[in-house]
Amino acid sequence: MNIPHTSRAYAAALGYTSIIGFSFMFVKLALIHANPLDTLAHRFTISFLAASLGLLIARRKVPMDLKRLLTIVPLAIFYPFLFFTLQTFGLVYTSSAEAGIIHATVPIFTLLLASLFLKERSSWAQKLFTVLSVTGIISIFVLKGVSFEQSSTLGIVLILLSALSNAIYSVMARRMTQKQSVLDITFIMSMIGFVLFNLMSVAQHAALGTLVHYFDPFMHSSFVWAVLYLGVLSSLGTSLLSNYALSQIEASRMGIFNNLATVVTIFGGVAFLNEKLAYYHVIGAALVIVGVIGTSLAGRARNAKKRLSRNESKPA
């Protein structure tokens, strides 16, 4: 059975969302045993090793010419480098819940940037459903009584900048995946993350004279499981899934899926951490899901109308 590319793209977007939804918990768990730079270095070491092993098994070679590298470097700067750096350091100064509400700005940033740089045009229905999804996220935390007074301004700014980096990446990847292989882009992104984060971490340890303790976090089994999840799934897996999704659907439609991650985080907490499910979780989740489905359907309807218009304008 042949599955349409668009359906595969939505499946990839849902997979990406599910993985991201659990990542906040694993980042917090990893930070118990390692500082932010070590956490990033170790997760991207595992990510790069997993990517290399995958290529070895598939017997696939990635062209590593200078022109290709220079093309992908700007993309890798925003994601994974800036996105994960800002997110990880931001979580040091703010809670997962507060990070979740700030992260809800990603679809809005993506919608604006895609309109500006990709000339993606969204209907009023798409805009309305995007706002509805963001409202769902905000309502969860407002009704819960989350206060930003306990968070530092630095933490809020860092998470906000990580959201902006995610949006910029989506716009850049949408254009780049039309010209280059998704697998090649993902591998080079993992390699760049591995090099940059390890250089920063080693430099920090060298300056402090603690290089001998570089691998100490691996003495803790909880860190090992956390960094495996973050490296294989949250770094490599999400890059592969999001790059594929962006090769098939508009950046603005992909951006809205980020808000589903918060819903996954909430229900993951209920399922695995015995957290209580309150009425505002259900209300907020419903708004997010309706917003995501509505945006996707409105986008499909708009594209179908455009195709019909083009066909009618063709000479008989």
Protein backbone atom coordinates (compact mmCIF):
# COMPACT_ATOMS: atom_id res chain seq x y z
CA MET A 1 0.00 0.00 0.00
CA ASN A 2 1.42 3.36 -1.06
CA ILE A 3 1.15 6.01 1.65
CA PRO A 4 1.00 9.59 0.32
CA HIS A 5 4.08 11.72 1.06
CA THR A 6 1.96 14.26 2.94
CA SER A 7 0.60 11.55 5.26
CA ARG A 8 4.14 10.34 5.92
CA ALA A 9 5.16 13.92 6.67
CA TYR A 10 2.38 14.28 9.24
CA ALA A 11 3.38 10.94 10.79
CA ALA A 12 6.97 12.22 11.01
CA ALA A 13 5.74 15.47 12.59
CA LEU A 14 3.76 13.50 15.19
CA GLY A 15 6.80 11.34 15.95
CA TYR A 16 8.93 14.47 16.31
CA THR A 17 6.35 15.98 18.67
CA SER A 18 6.13 12.86 20.83
CA ILE A 19 9.90 12.67 21.30
CA ILE A 20 10.24 16.39 22.09
CA GLY A 21 7.37 16.09 24.57
CA PHE A 22 9.38 13.77 26.80
CA SER A 23 12.72 15.52 26.30
CA PHE A 24 12.18 18.19 28.98
CA MET A 25 11.96 15.48 31.65
CA PHE A 26 15.11 13.74 30.41
CA VAL A 27 17.05 17.02 30.22
CA LYS A 28 16.12 17.77 33.84
CA LEU A 29 17.18 14.22 34.80
CA ALA A 30 20.53 14.52 33.00
CA LEU A 31 21.25 17.91 34.61
CA ILE A 32 21.19 16.26 38.05
CA HIS A 33 24.49 14.54 37.25
CA ALA A 34 26.13 16.82 34.65
CA ASN A 35 26.43 20.50 33.85
CA PRO A 36 24.70 21.85 30.71
CA LEU A 37 27.78 21.72 28.46
CA ASP A 38 28.67 18.15 29.44
CA THR A 39 25.06 17.08 28.89
CA LEU A 40 25.07 18.59 25.40
CA ALA A 41 28.49 17.14 24.54
CA HIS A 42 27.57 13.62 25.64
CA ARG A 43 24.14 13.61 23.97
CA PHE A 44 25.62 14.72 20.64
CA THR A 45 28.48 12.25 20.90
CA ILE A 46 25.86 9.51 21.15
CA SER A 47 23.82 11.15 18.39
CA PHE A 48 26.82 11.26 16.03
CA LEU A 49 27.83 7.67 16.84
CA ALA A 50 24.26 6.48 16.17
CA ALA A 51 24.15 8.40 12.88
CA SER A 52 27.53 6.99 11.82
CA LEU A 53 26.47 3.46 12.73
CA GLY A 54 23.28 3.89 10.71
CA LEU A 55 25.24 4.97 7.64
CA LEU A 56 27.69 2.09 8.11
CA ILE A 57 24.89 -0.47 8.26
CA ALA A 58 23.18 1.08 5.23
CA ARG A 59 26.55 1.29 3.42
CA ARG A 60 25.78 4.86 2.50
CA LYS A 61 28.36 7.59 1.97
CA VAL A 62 27.63 11.24 2.72
CA PRO A 63 29.31 13.72 0.35
CA MET A 64 31.51 15.94 2.55
CA ASP A 65 32.67 18.57 0.07
CA LEU A 66 33.34 22.08 1.38
CA LYS A 67 30.47 23.64 -0.57
CA ARG A 68 27.92 21.24 0.96
CA LEU A 69 29.30 21.79 4.46
CA LEU A 70 29.19 25.57 4.15
CA THR A 71 25.59 25.34 2.96
CA ILE A 72 24.45 23.28 5.95
CA VAL A 73 26.53 25.03 8.67
CA PRO A 74 24.12 28.00 9.02
CA LEU A 75 21.23 25.55 9.50
CA ALA A 76 23.18 23.58 12.13
CA ILE A 77 24.05 26.79 13.99
CA PHE A 78 20.36 27.42 14.71
CA TYR A 79 19.51 23.73 15.19
CA PRO A 80 20.97 21.89 16.97
CA PHE A 81 23.62 24.31 18.29
CA LEU A 82 21.69 27.41 19.39
CA PHE A 83 18.38 25.66 20.05
CA PHE A 84 19.77 23.02 22.41
CA THR A 85 22.33 25.34 24.04
CA LEU A 86 19.72 27.98 24.84
CA GLN A 87 17.15 25.38 25.92
CA THR A 88 19.54 23.51 28.22
CA PHE A 89 20.92 26.63 29.91
CA GLY A 90 17.41 28.10 30.08
CA LEU A 91 16.16 25.04 31.98
CA VAL A 92 18.82 25.74 34.62
CA TYR A 93 17.10 29.05 35.43
CA THR A 94 13.44 28.16 34.88
CA SER A 95 11.08 25.21 35.36
CA SER A 96 9.93 22.73 32.72
CA ALA A 97 6.38 24.12 32.99
CA GLU A 98 7.47 27.68 32.36
CA ALA A 99 9.71 26.55 29.52
CA GLY A 100 6.67 24.82 28.01
CA ILE A 101 4.56 27.96 27.90
CA ILE A 102 7.38 30.02 26.37
CA HIS A 103 8.05 27.27 23.82
CA ALA A 104 4.44 27.70 22.64
CA THR A 105 5.58 30.80 20.74
CA VAL A 106 7.34 28.63 18.12
CA PRO A 107 4.31 28.37 15.74
CA ILE A 108 3.84 32.16 15.80
CA PHE A 109 7.51 32.83 15.09
CA THR A 110 7.45 30.19 12.32
CA LEU A 111 4.29 31.61 10.75
CA LEU A 112 5.79 35.11 10.63
CA LEU A 113 9.22 34.02 9.36
CA ALA A 114 7.78 31.64 6.74
CA SER A 115 5.58 34.43 5.44
CA LEU A 116 8.53 36.83 5.30
CA PHE A 117 11.27 34.62 3.85
CA LEU A 118 9.47 31.73 2.11
CA LYS A 119 6.48 33.79 0.96
CA GLU A 120 4.20 31.13 2.45
CA ARG A 121 0.68 32.48 2.51
CA SER A 122 -1.67 31.22 5.20
CA SER A 123 -5.43 31.63 5.23
CA TRP A 124 -7.30 33.34 8.04
CA ALA A 125 -8.49 29.89 9.11
CA GLN A 126 -4.88 28.71 9.49
CA LYS A 127 -3.99 31.81 11.51
CA LEU A 128 -7.07 31.36 13.70
CA PHE A 129 -6.31 27.71 14.45
CA THR A 130 -2.65 28.57 15.15
CA VAL A 131 -3.74 31.16 17.73
CA LEU A 132 -6.21 28.62 19.16
CA SER A 133 -3.39 26.12 19.67
CA VAL A 134 -1.18 28.70 21.38
CA THR A 135 -4.15 29.74 23.54
CA GLY A 136 -4.54 26.11 24.62
CA ILE A 137 -0.96 26.01 25.90
CA ILE A 138 -1.25 29.35 27.69
CA SER A 139 -4.58 28.39 29.29
CA ILE A 140 -3.06 25.26 30.84
CA PHE A 141 -0.42 27.24 32.67
CA VAL A 142 -2.62 30.23 33.52
CA LEU A 143 -5.34 28.02 35.03
CA LYS A 144 -2.68 26.00 36.80
CA GLY A 145 -1.42 29.19 38.39
CA VAL A 146 2.13 29.16 37.03
CA SER A 147 3.95 32.31 38.07
CA PHE A 148 6.99 33.67 36.30
CA GLU A 149 8.00 35.60 39.40
CA GLN A 150 10.18 32.73 40.59
CA SER A 151 11.98 32.46 37.25
CA SER A 152 14.93 34.65 36.41
CA THR A 153 14.67 36.99 33.46
CA LEU A 154 17.70 35.20 32.02
CA GLY A 155 15.90 31.85 31.97
CA ILE A 156 12.85 33.32 30.22
CA VAL A 157 15.00 35.09 27.60
CA LEU A 158 17.06 31.96 26.91
CA ILE A 159 13.99 29.76 26.36
CA LEU A 160 12.39 32.45 24.19
CA LEU A 161 15.55 32.62 22.05
CA SER A 162 15.57 28.82 21.78
CA ALA A 163 12.00 29.00 20.43
CA LEU A 164 13.09 31.62 17.89
CA SER A 165 16.04 29.43 16.86
CA ASN A 166 13.64 26.53 16.30
CA ALA A 167 11.45 28.70 14.07
CA ILE A 168 14.44 29.97 12.04
CA TYR A 169 15.64 26.38 11.60
CA SER A 170 12.20 25.31 10.30
CA VAL A 171 12.21 28.05 7.69
CA MET A 172 15.79 27.33 6.57
CA ALA A 173 15.26 23.55 6.53
CA ARG A 174 12.08 23.91 4.46
CA ARG A 175 14.13 25.54 1.69
CA MET A 176 17.21 23.33 2.06
CA THR A 177 15.37 19.99 2.04
CA GLN A 178 14.02 20.85 -1.41
CA LYS A 179 17.58 20.73 -2.77
CA GLN A 180 19.53 18.23 -0.64
CA SER A 181 19.05 14.76 0.83
CA VAL A 182 17.33 14.66 4.22
CA LEU A 183 19.77 11.96 5.39
CA ASP A 184 22.82 14.00 4.34
CA ILE A 185 21.52 17.12 6.10
CA THR A 186 20.73 15.19 9.29
CA PHE A 187 24.14 13.48 9.43
CA ILE A 188 26.07 16.72 8.90
CA MET A 189 23.92 18.48 11.53
CA SER A 190 24.75 15.72 14.03
CA MET A 191 28.44 15.92 13.17
CA ILE A 192 28.55 19.70 13.64
CA GLY A 193 26.72 19.42 16.97
CA PHE A 194 29.17 16.71 18.10
CA VAL A 195 32.23 18.82 17.22
CA LEU A 196 31.00 22.14 18.63
CA PHE A 197 29.57 20.88 21.92
CA ASN A 198 32.56 18.64 22.67
CA LEU A 199 35.01 21.47 21.93
CA MET A 200 33.13 23.75 24.32
CA SER A 201 32.88 21.12 27.04
CA VAL A 202 36.54 20.05 26.80
CA ALA A 203 37.64 23.71 26.83
CA GLN A 204 35.60 24.31 29.99
CA HIS A 205 37.08 21.27 31.74
CA ALA A 206 40.61 22.21 30.62
CA ALA A 207 40.18 25.72 32.04
CA LEU A 208 38.93 24.32 35.37
CA GLY A 209 41.46 21.48 35.49
CA THR A 210 38.67 18.87 35.68
CA LEU A 211 39.23 17.03 32.40
CA VAL A 212 39.71 13.77 34.32
CA HIS A 213 36.05 14.00 35.39
CA TYR A 214 34.73 14.36 31.83
CA PHE A 215 33.02 10.95 31.80
CA ASP A 216 31.96 10.91 35.47
CA PRO A 217 28.22 11.36 34.70
CA PHE A 218 28.20 7.91 33.05
CA MET A 219 28.73 6.40 36.50
CA HIS A 220 25.03 7.06 37.12
CA SER A 221 22.57 4.76 35.36
CA SER A 222 19.85 7.43 35.32
CA PHE A 223 22.18 9.73 33.37
CA VAL A 224 23.02 6.95 30.91
CA TRP A 225 19.35 6.29 30.14
CA ALA A 226 18.61 10.03 29.92
CA VAL A 227 21.50 10.79 27.57
CA LEU A 228 20.68 7.78 25.38
CA TYR A 229 17.16 9.11 24.94
CA LEU A 230 18.42 12.64 24.32
CA GLY A 231 21.16 11.53 21.93
CA VAL A 232 19.45 8.88 19.81
CA LEU A 233 15.85 10.09 19.85
CA SER A 234 15.74 13.73 20.93
CA SER A 235 18.77 14.85 18.88
CA LEU A 236 19.19 12.48 15.93
CA GLY A 237 15.62 11.21 15.70
CA THR A 238 13.93 14.60 15.83
CA SER A 239 16.38 16.06 13.29
CA LEU A 240 15.63 13.25 10.85
CA LEU A 241 11.86 13.40 11.38
CA SER A 242 11.58 17.19 11.22
CA ASN A 243 13.84 17.44 8.16
CA TYR A 244 11.69 14.87 6.36
CA ALA A 245 8.44 16.56 7.39
CA LEU A 246 9.74 19.95 6.24
CA SER A 247 10.66 18.48 2.87
CA GLN A 248 6.96 17.69 2.32
CA ILE A 249 4.87 20.31 4.18
CA GLU A 250 5.11 24.05 4.75
CA ALA A 251 7.16 25.38 7.66
CA SER A 252 4.11 27.15 9.10
CA ARG A 253 2.15 23.88 9.21
CA MET A 254 5.08 22.03 10.76
CA GLY A 255 5.53 24.75 13.38
CA ILE A 256 2.08 24.19 14.87
CA PHE A 257 3.06 20.63 15.85
CA ASN A 258 5.47 22.02 18.45
CA ASN A 259 2.53 22.79 20.72
CA LEU A 260 1.53 19.14 20.76
CA ALA A 261 4.82 18.49 22.56
CA THR A 262 3.48 20.22 25.66
CA VAL A 263 0.40 17.97 25.60
CA VAL A 264 2.69 14.93 25.38
CA THR A 265 4.74 16.28 28.30
CA ILE A 266 1.61 16.63 30.45
CA PHE A 267 0.20 13.18 29.71
CA GLY A 268 3.68 11.68 30.00
CA GLY A 269 3.89 13.10 33.51
CA VAL A 270 0.54 11.53 34.34
CA ALA A 271 1.54 8.14 32.91
CA PHE A 272 5.12 7.86 34.18
CA LEU A 273 5.49 10.31 37.07
CA ASN A 274 2.08 9.78 38.71
CA GLU A 275 1.22 13.45 38.24
CA LYS A 276 -2.45 14.43 38.53
CA LEU A 277 -4.53 15.21 35.45
CA ALA A 278 -6.61 18.34 36.11
CA TYR A 279 -9.54 19.80 34.18
CA TYR A 280 -7.38 22.58 32.73
CA HIS A 281 -5.05 19.98 31.22
CA VAL A 282 -7.98 18.45 29.33
CA ILE A 283 -9.31 21.86 28.21
CA GLY A 284 -5.89 23.07 27.07
CA ALA A 285 -5.05 19.80 25.34
CA ALA A 286 -8.38 19.86 23.48
CA LEU A 287 -7.69 23.41 22.24
CA VAL A 288 -4.20 22.43 21.10
CA ILE A 289 -5.40 19.31 19.27
CA VAL A 290 -8.27 21.19 17.57
CA GLY A 291 -5.79 23.93 16.63
CA VAL A 292 -3.30 21.48 15.11
CA ILE A 293 -5.96 19.52 13.19
CA GLY A 294 -7.66 22.72 12.05
CA THR A 295 -4.40 24.27 10.82
CA SER A 296 -3.51 21.10 8.92
CA LEU A 297 -6.94 20.75 7.29
CA ALA A 298 -7.10 24.45 6.44
CA GLY A 299 -3.66 24.19 4.85
CA ARG A 300 -4.70 21.16 2.80
CA ALA A 301 -7.87 22.92 1.66
CA ARG A 302 -5.90 26.00 0.63
CA ASN A 303 -3.37 23.92 -1.33
CA ALA A 304 -6.15 21.94 -3.03
CA LYS A 305 -7.82 25.20 -4.06
CA LYS A 306 -4.52 26.50 -5.46
CA ARG A 307 -3.97 23.30 -7.49
CA LEU A 308 -7.52 23.49 -8.85
CA SER A 309 -7.01 27.12 -9.81
CA ARG A 310 -3.76 26.29 -11.63
CA ASN A 311 -5.38 23.41 -13.53
CA GLU A 312 -8.29 25.60 -14.62
CA SER A 313 -5.91 28.28 -15.85
CA LYS A 314 -4.01 25.84 -18.09
CA PRO A 315 -4.94 26.00 -21.79
CA ALA A 316 -7.07 23.12 -22.98
